Amino acid sequence: MTLKSQFESELQKLTASIQLTNDTVVKSQAAKDALTQFSTTETGKEMLVPITESMYVPGVVQETKRPIIELGTGYFAETSVENATAFFSRRIARLNKQQDSLRNSFKEKQSQYQITVQTINQKLQQSRRAPQQ
């Protein structure tokens, strides 16, 4: 693998990580917003319950004070609305911090890539001129 392709591969991985982190921030914010909206819903009200992202089943609201939230990788917890809101706020803050770190790494790697390509091009030009002299 050439140095150039190695840089390009690393930049692609960083871009994918930034996008994944951004998607997770958006989903966490949506969950936090849904939690806020759900906590004001009346008990006994009919609603559609998401089973997957595209499949919903009819249901009835029985409890709005202790939602079940997904902690990640298949783990769930029943907690108070306040704790759930705080959890999502912490998650969003952590992800934003991680995203800033990834963006800084991307900028640094991109700068190194540009300097490397520029140096290689200069060396190539010098080597092409050398035989002519």
N, C-alpha and C. Protein backbone atom coordinates (compact mmCIF):
# COMPACT_ATOMS: atom_id res chain seq x y z
N MET A 1 0.85 -1.17 0.00
CA MET A 1 0.00 0.00 0.00
C MET A 1 0.89 1.24 0.00
N THR A 2 0.62 2.14 -0.90
CA THR A 2 1.43 3.35 -0.99
C THR A 2 1.06 4.30 0.14
N LEU A 3 1.95 5.24 0.36
CA LEU A 3 1.72 6.23 1.41
C LEU A 3 0.47 7.04 1.11
N LYS A 4 0.30 7.40 -0.15
CA LYS A 4 -0.86 8.19 -0.56
C LYS A 4 -2.16 7.41 -0.31
N SER A 5 -2.20 6.16 -0.70
CA SER A 5 -3.42 5.36 -0.51
C SER A 5 -3.67 5.09 0.98
N GLN A 6 -2.61 5.01 1.76
CA GLN A 6 -2.77 4.83 3.20
C GLN A 6 -3.44 6.06 3.82
N PHE A 7 -2.96 7.25 3.41
CA PHE A 7 -3.58 8.49 3.89
C PHE A 7 -5.05 8.55 3.47
N GLU A 8 -5.31 8.22 2.21
CA GLU A 8 -6.68 8.27 1.70
C GLU A 8 -7.59 7.30 2.46
N SER A 9 -7.07 6.13 2.77
CA SER A 9 -7.83 5.14 3.54
C SER A 9 -8.15 5.67 4.94
N GLU A 10 -7.16 6.26 5.58
CA GLU A 10 -7.37 6.81 6.92
C GLU A 10 -8.36 7.96 6.90
N LEU A 11 -8.29 8.80 5.86
CA LEU A 11 -9.24 9.91 5.74
C LEU A 11 -10.66 9.39 5.52
N GLN A 12 -10.80 8.32 4.74
CA GLN A 12 -12.12 7.73 4.52
C GLN A 12 -12.68 7.15 5.82
N LYS A 13 -11.82 6.50 6.60
CA LYS A 13 -12.27 5.93 7.88
C LYS A 13 -12.70 7.03 8.85
N LEU A 14 -11.93 8.12 8.88
CA LEU A 14 -12.30 9.24 9.75
C LEU A 14 -13.62 9.87 9.30
N THR A 15 -13.80 10.00 7.99
CA THR A 15 -15.05 10.55 7.46
C THR A 15 -16.23 9.66 7.85
N ALA A 16 -16.06 8.35 7.73
CA ALA A 16 -17.12 7.41 8.11
C ALA A 16 -17.42 7.50 9.61
N SER A 17 -16.38 7.64 10.43
CA SER A 17 -16.58 7.76 11.88
C SER A 17 -17.31 9.05 12.23
N ILE A 18 -16.95 10.13 11.56
CA ILE A 18 -17.63 11.41 11.79
C ILE A 18 -19.10 11.29 11.43
N GLN A 19 -19.39 10.65 10.29
CA GLN A 19 -20.78 10.49 9.85
C GLN A 19 -21.56 9.60 10.82
N LEU A 20 -20.96 8.51 11.26
CA LEU A 20 -21.62 7.61 12.21
C LEU A 20 -21.91 8.33 13.53
N THR A 21 -20.94 9.10 14.00
CA THR A 21 -21.13 9.85 15.24
C THR A 21 -22.25 10.88 15.08
N ASN A 22 -22.26 11.54 13.92
CA ASN A 22 -23.31 12.53 13.65
C ASN A 22 -24.69 11.86 13.63
N ASP A 23 -24.78 10.71 12.98
CA ASP A 23 -26.05 9.97 12.94
C ASP A 23 -26.52 9.60 14.35
N THR A 24 -25.58 9.21 15.20
CA THR A 24 -25.91 8.83 16.57
C THR A 24 -26.38 10.04 17.37
N VAL A 25 -25.75 11.20 17.13
CA VAL A 25 -26.19 12.43 17.79
C VAL A 25 -27.63 12.76 17.40
N VAL A 26 -27.91 12.66 16.10
CA VAL A 26 -29.26 12.95 15.60
C VAL A 26 -30.28 12.00 16.22
N LYS A 27 -29.95 10.71 16.28
CA LYS A 27 -30.87 9.73 16.87
C LYS A 27 -31.07 9.97 18.37
N SER A 28 -29.99 10.32 19.06
CA SER A 28 -30.09 10.58 20.50
C SER A 28 -30.92 11.83 20.76
N GLN A 29 -30.75 12.85 19.93
CA GLN A 29 -31.55 14.07 20.09
C GLN A 29 -33.02 13.78 19.81
N ALA A 30 -33.28 12.96 18.79
CA ALA A 30 -34.66 12.58 18.47
C ALA A 30 -35.28 11.80 19.64
N ALA A 31 -34.49 10.91 20.25
CA ALA A 31 -34.98 10.13 21.40
C ALA A 31 -35.28 11.06 22.57
N LYS A 32 -34.41 12.03 22.80
CA LYS A 32 -34.62 12.99 23.89
C LYS A 32 -35.88 13.81 23.63
N ASP A 33 -36.07 14.26 22.40
CA ASP A 33 -37.26 15.03 22.05
C ASP A 33 -38.53 14.18 22.20
N ALA A 34 -38.46 12.92 21.75
CA ALA A 34 -39.61 12.02 21.87
C ALA A 34 -39.94 11.76 23.33
N LEU A 35 -38.92 11.64 24.15
CA LEU A 35 -39.12 11.43 25.58
C LEU A 35 -39.85 12.62 26.21
N THR A 36 -39.43 13.82 25.83
CA THR A 36 -40.09 15.02 26.34
C THR A 36 -41.55 15.05 25.93
N GLN A 37 -41.81 14.73 24.67
CA GLN A 37 -43.18 14.73 24.16
C GLN A 37 -44.00 13.61 24.82
N PHE A 38 -43.39 12.44 24.96
CA PHE A 38 -44.09 11.29 25.54
C PHE A 38 -44.46 11.54 27.00
N SER A 39 -43.59 12.21 27.73
CA SER A 39 -43.84 12.42 29.17
C SER A 39 -45.06 13.29 29.43
N THR A 40 -45.51 14.04 28.41
CA THR A 40 -46.70 14.88 28.58
C THR A 40 -47.96 14.21 28.03
N THR A 41 -47.81 12.99 27.52
CA THR A 41 -48.94 12.25 26.96
C THR A 41 -49.84 11.72 28.08
N GLU A 42 -51.13 11.71 27.83
CA GLU A 42 -52.10 11.23 28.82
C GLU A 42 -52.09 9.70 28.89
N THR A 43 -52.24 9.17 30.08
CA THR A 43 -52.38 7.72 30.27
C THR A 43 -53.69 7.27 29.63
N GLY A 44 -53.66 6.12 28.94
CA GLY A 44 -54.84 5.58 28.29
C GLY A 44 -55.00 6.01 26.84
N LYS A 45 -54.13 6.88 26.38
CA LYS A 45 -54.21 7.37 25.00
C LYS A 45 -53.65 6.31 24.05
N GLU A 46 -54.32 6.15 22.90
CA GLU A 46 -53.84 5.20 21.89
C GLU A 46 -52.68 5.82 21.12
N MET A 47 -51.74 4.97 20.74
CA MET A 47 -50.58 5.43 19.98
C MET A 47 -50.00 4.28 19.16
N LEU A 48 -49.12 4.62 18.23
CA LEU A 48 -48.39 3.60 17.48
C LEU A 48 -47.04 3.39 18.14
N VAL A 49 -46.71 2.15 18.43
CA VAL A 49 -45.46 1.80 19.11
C VAL A 49 -44.48 1.27 18.07
N PRO A 50 -43.27 1.89 17.99
CA PRO A 50 -42.30 1.40 17.00
C PRO A 50 -41.70 0.06 17.42
N ILE A 51 -41.75 -0.90 16.50
CA ILE A 51 -41.12 -2.20 16.71
C ILE A 51 -39.75 -2.18 16.03
N THR A 52 -39.72 -1.64 14.83
CA THR A 52 -38.47 -1.38 14.09
C THR A 52 -38.59 0.05 13.56
N GLU A 53 -37.61 0.49 12.77
CA GLU A 53 -37.67 1.84 12.22
C GLU A 53 -38.84 2.02 11.26
N SER A 54 -39.31 0.93 10.68
CA SER A 54 -40.38 1.06 9.69
C SER A 54 -41.66 0.29 10.05
N MET A 55 -41.70 -0.35 11.21
CA MET A 55 -42.89 -1.12 11.58
C MET A 55 -43.41 -0.64 12.94
N TYR A 56 -44.71 -0.36 12.97
CA TYR A 56 -45.37 0.11 14.18
C TYR A 56 -46.58 -0.76 14.47
N VAL A 57 -46.91 -0.90 15.75
CA VAL A 57 -48.11 -1.64 16.15
C VAL A 57 -48.94 -0.72 17.06
N PRO A 58 -50.27 -0.89 17.04
CA PRO A 58 -51.09 -0.05 17.92
C PRO A 58 -50.88 -0.42 19.38
N GLY A 59 -50.94 0.59 20.23
CA GLY A 59 -50.78 0.36 21.66
C GLY A 59 -51.52 1.42 22.45
N VAL A 60 -51.51 1.26 23.78
CA VAL A 60 -52.17 2.21 24.68
C VAL A 60 -51.14 2.64 25.72
N VAL A 61 -51.04 3.93 25.96
CA VAL A 61 -50.10 4.47 26.94
C VAL A 61 -50.58 4.09 28.34
N GLN A 62 -49.71 3.41 29.09
CA GLN A 62 -50.06 3.02 30.45
C GLN A 62 -49.21 3.74 31.49
N GLU A 63 -48.00 4.11 31.11
CA GLU A 63 -47.08 4.72 32.06
C GLU A 63 -46.25 5.77 31.33
N THR A 64 -46.22 6.99 31.85
CA THR A 64 -45.41 8.04 31.21
C THR A 64 -44.32 8.56 32.13
N LYS A 65 -44.31 8.11 33.37
CA LYS A 65 -43.33 8.62 34.35
C LYS A 65 -42.06 7.79 34.41
N ARG A 66 -42.10 6.55 33.91
CA ARG A 66 -40.93 5.67 33.97
C ARG A 66 -40.72 4.99 32.61
N PRO A 67 -40.16 5.74 31.65
CA PRO A 67 -39.95 5.16 30.32
C PRO A 67 -38.82 4.13 30.33
N ILE A 68 -38.87 3.24 29.37
CA ILE A 68 -37.79 2.28 29.16
C ILE A 68 -36.94 2.84 28.02
N ILE A 69 -35.66 3.03 28.30
CA ILE A 69 -34.77 3.60 27.29
C ILE A 69 -33.70 2.59 26.91
N GLU A 70 -33.20 2.72 25.68
CA GLU A 70 -32.12 1.85 25.23
C GLU A 70 -30.79 2.49 25.62
N LEU A 71 -29.98 1.72 26.33
CA LEU A 71 -28.68 2.20 26.75
C LEU A 71 -27.63 1.97 25.68
N GLY A 72 -27.89 1.01 24.80
CA GLY A 72 -26.95 0.68 23.73
C GLY A 72 -26.71 -0.81 23.68
N THR A 73 -26.36 -1.29 22.51
CA THR A 73 -26.06 -2.71 22.23
C THR A 73 -27.05 -3.68 22.88
N GLY A 74 -28.34 -3.34 22.78
CA GLY A 74 -29.36 -4.27 23.25
C GLY A 74 -29.68 -4.20 24.73
N TYR A 75 -29.13 -3.24 25.46
CA TYR A 75 -29.43 -3.10 26.89
C TYR A 75 -30.46 -1.99 27.08
N PHE A 76 -31.45 -2.26 27.93
CA PHE A 76 -32.52 -1.31 28.19
C PHE A 76 -32.62 -1.09 29.69
N ALA A 77 -33.18 0.07 30.06
CA ALA A 77 -33.38 0.37 31.49
C ALA A 77 -34.66 1.16 31.67
N GLU A 78 -35.37 0.86 32.75
CA GLU A 78 -36.53 1.66 33.12
C GLU A 78 -36.05 2.69 34.13
N THR A 79 -36.37 3.94 33.88
CA THR A 79 -35.88 5.01 34.73
C THR A 79 -36.88 6.16 34.73
N SER A 80 -36.61 7.17 35.51
CA SER A 80 -37.50 8.35 35.53
C SER A 80 -37.25 9.19 34.28
N VAL A 81 -38.21 10.05 33.96
CA VAL A 81 -38.07 10.94 32.80
C VAL A 81 -36.85 11.84 32.99
N GLU A 82 -36.65 12.33 34.20
CA GLU A 82 -35.52 13.22 34.48
C GLU A 82 -34.19 12.50 34.25
N ASN A 83 -34.07 11.27 34.76
CA ASN A 83 -32.84 10.51 34.56
C ASN A 83 -32.62 10.18 33.09
N ALA A 84 -33.69 9.84 32.39
CA ALA A 84 -33.58 9.52 30.97
C ALA A 84 -33.15 10.74 30.16
N THR A 85 -33.74 11.89 30.48
CA THR A 85 -33.36 13.14 29.80
C THR A 85 -31.90 13.47 30.07
N ALA A 86 -31.48 13.32 31.32
CA ALA A 86 -30.08 13.57 31.67
C ALA A 86 -29.15 12.59 30.95
N PHE A 87 -29.57 11.34 30.84
CA PHE A 87 -28.77 10.33 30.13
C PHE A 87 -28.55 10.75 28.68
N PHE A 88 -29.64 11.14 28.00
CA PHE A 88 -29.51 11.54 26.60
C PHE A 88 -28.69 12.82 26.46
N SER A 89 -28.82 13.73 27.40
CA SER A 89 -28.02 14.96 27.36
C SER A 89 -26.54 14.65 27.49
N ARG A 90 -26.20 13.75 28.43
CA ARG A 90 -24.79 13.34 28.60
C ARG A 90 -24.27 12.63 27.35
N ARG A 91 -25.11 11.75 26.78
CA ARG A 91 -24.71 11.03 25.57
C ARG A 91 -24.43 12.01 24.43
N ILE A 92 -25.32 12.96 24.24
CA ILE A 92 -25.16 13.94 23.17
C ILE A 92 -23.90 14.77 23.39
N ALA A 93 -23.66 15.21 24.62
CA ALA A 93 -22.46 15.99 24.93
C ALA A 93 -21.20 15.17 24.65
N ARG A 94 -21.21 13.90 25.07
CA ARG A 94 -20.04 13.03 24.85
C ARG A 94 -19.81 12.81 23.36
N LEU A 95 -20.89 12.59 22.62
CA LEU A 95 -20.76 12.37 21.17
C LEU A 95 -20.28 13.63 20.45
N ASN A 96 -20.76 14.80 20.89
CA ASN A 96 -20.30 16.05 20.28
C ASN A 96 -18.81 16.26 20.54
N LYS A 97 -18.37 15.92 21.75
CA LYS A 97 -16.94 16.03 22.08
C LYS A 97 -16.13 15.05 21.22
N GLN A 98 -16.64 13.84 21.07
CA GLN A 98 -15.97 12.83 20.23
C GLN A 98 -15.93 13.29 18.78
N GLN A 99 -17.01 13.90 18.32
CA GLN A 99 -17.08 14.38 16.95
C GLN A 99 -16.07 15.51 16.72
N ASP A 100 -15.92 16.40 17.69
CA ASP A 100 -14.92 17.47 17.59
C ASP A 100 -13.52 16.88 17.49
N SER A 101 -13.26 15.87 18.31
CA SER A 101 -11.95 15.20 18.28
C SER A 101 -11.70 14.54 16.93
N LEU A 102 -12.72 13.89 16.38
CA LEU A 102 -12.58 13.25 15.06
C LEU A 102 -12.35 14.29 13.97
N ARG A 103 -13.05 15.41 14.05
CA ARG A 103 -12.86 16.47 13.06
C ARG A 103 -11.44 17.04 13.13
N ASN A 104 -10.93 17.22 14.36
CA ASN A 104 -9.56 17.70 14.51
C ASN A 104 -8.57 16.70 13.94
N SER A 105 -8.79 15.42 14.20
CA SER A 105 -7.92 14.38 13.64
C SER A 105 -7.98 14.39 12.12
N PHE A 106 -9.18 14.58 11.58
CA PHE A 106 -9.36 14.63 10.13
C PHE A 106 -8.58 15.80 9.53
N LYS A 107 -8.72 16.98 10.14
CA LYS A 107 -8.00 18.17 9.65
C LYS A 107 -6.49 17.96 9.70
N GLU A 108 -6.02 17.38 10.79
CA GLU A 108 -4.59 17.11 10.94
C GLU A 108 -4.10 16.11 9.90
N LYS A 109 -4.86 15.03 9.72
CA LYS A 109 -4.49 14.00 8.74
C LYS A 109 -4.54 14.56 7.33
N GLN A 110 -5.53 15.40 7.05
CA GLN A 110 -5.66 16.01 5.72
C GLN A 110 -4.48 16.95 5.46
N SER A 111 -4.07 17.68 6.46
CA SER A 111 -2.91 18.57 6.33
C SER A 111 -1.64 17.75 6.07
N GLN A 112 -1.47 16.67 6.81
CA GLN A 112 -0.31 15.79 6.60
C GLN A 112 -0.33 15.20 5.20
N TYR A 113 -1.50 14.82 4.74
CA TYR A 113 -1.67 14.27 3.39
C TYR A 113 -1.25 15.29 2.34
N GLN A 114 -1.73 16.53 2.48
CA GLN A 114 -1.40 17.57 1.51
C GLN A 114 0.10 17.87 1.50
N ILE A 115 0.70 17.93 2.67
CA ILE A 115 2.14 18.17 2.75
C ILE A 115 2.91 17.02 2.11
N THR A 116 2.48 15.80 2.37
CA THR A 116 3.15 14.62 1.80
C THR A 116 3.04 14.62 0.28
N VAL A 117 1.85 14.87 -0.24
CA VAL A 117 1.66 14.90 -1.70
C VAL A 117 2.49 16.01 -2.31
N GLN A 118 2.51 17.15 -1.67
CA GLN A 118 3.30 18.28 -2.16
C GLN A 118 4.79 17.94 -2.18
N THR A 119 5.28 17.32 -1.13
CA THR A 119 6.69 16.93 -1.05
C THR A 119 7.03 15.90 -2.12
N ILE A 120 6.15 14.92 -2.31
CA ILE A 120 6.38 13.90 -3.34
C ILE A 120 6.43 14.55 -4.72
N ASN A 121 5.52 15.46 -4.99
CA ASN A 121 5.51 16.15 -6.28
C ASN A 121 6.78 16.97 -6.50
N GLN A 122 7.26 17.63 -5.45
CA GLN A 122 8.50 18.40 -5.56
C GLN A 122 9.68 17.48 -5.85
N LYS A 123 9.74 16.35 -5.16
CA LYS A 123 10.83 15.39 -5.38
C LYS A 123 10.78 14.84 -6.81
N LEU A 124 9.58 14.56 -7.31
CA LEU A 124 9.44 14.08 -8.68
C LEU A 124 9.92 15.12 -9.69
N GLN A 125 9.57 16.36 -9.46
CA GLN A 125 10.01 17.42 -10.36
C GLN A 125 11.52 17.58 -10.32
N GLN A 126 12.10 17.48 -9.13
CA GLN A 126 13.55 17.58 -9.00
C GLN A 126 14.24 16.41 -9.69
N SER A 127 13.69 15.23 -9.57
CA SER A 127 14.31 14.06 -10.19
C SER A 127 14.19 14.13 -11.71
N ARG A 128 13.16 14.74 -12.22
CA ARG A 128 13.01 14.90 -13.67
C ARG A 128 13.98 15.93 -14.22
N ARG A 129 14.26 16.95 -13.43
CA ARG A 129 15.20 17.99 -13.86
C ARG A 129 16.65 17.52 -13.74
N ALA A 130 16.93 16.67 -12.79
CA ALA A 130 18.32 16.25 -12.51
C ALA A 130 19.00 15.62 -13.72
N PRO A 131 18.39 14.70 -14.46
CA PRO A 131 19.08 14.09 -15.60
C PRO A 131 19.36 15.08 -16.73
N GLN A 132 18.57 16.14 -16.81
CA GLN A 132 18.75 17.11 -17.88
C GLN A 132 19.96 17.99 -17.63
N GLN A 133 20.41 18.15 -16.44
CA GLN A 133 21.52 19.05 -16.12
C GLN A 133 22.85 18.42 -16.35
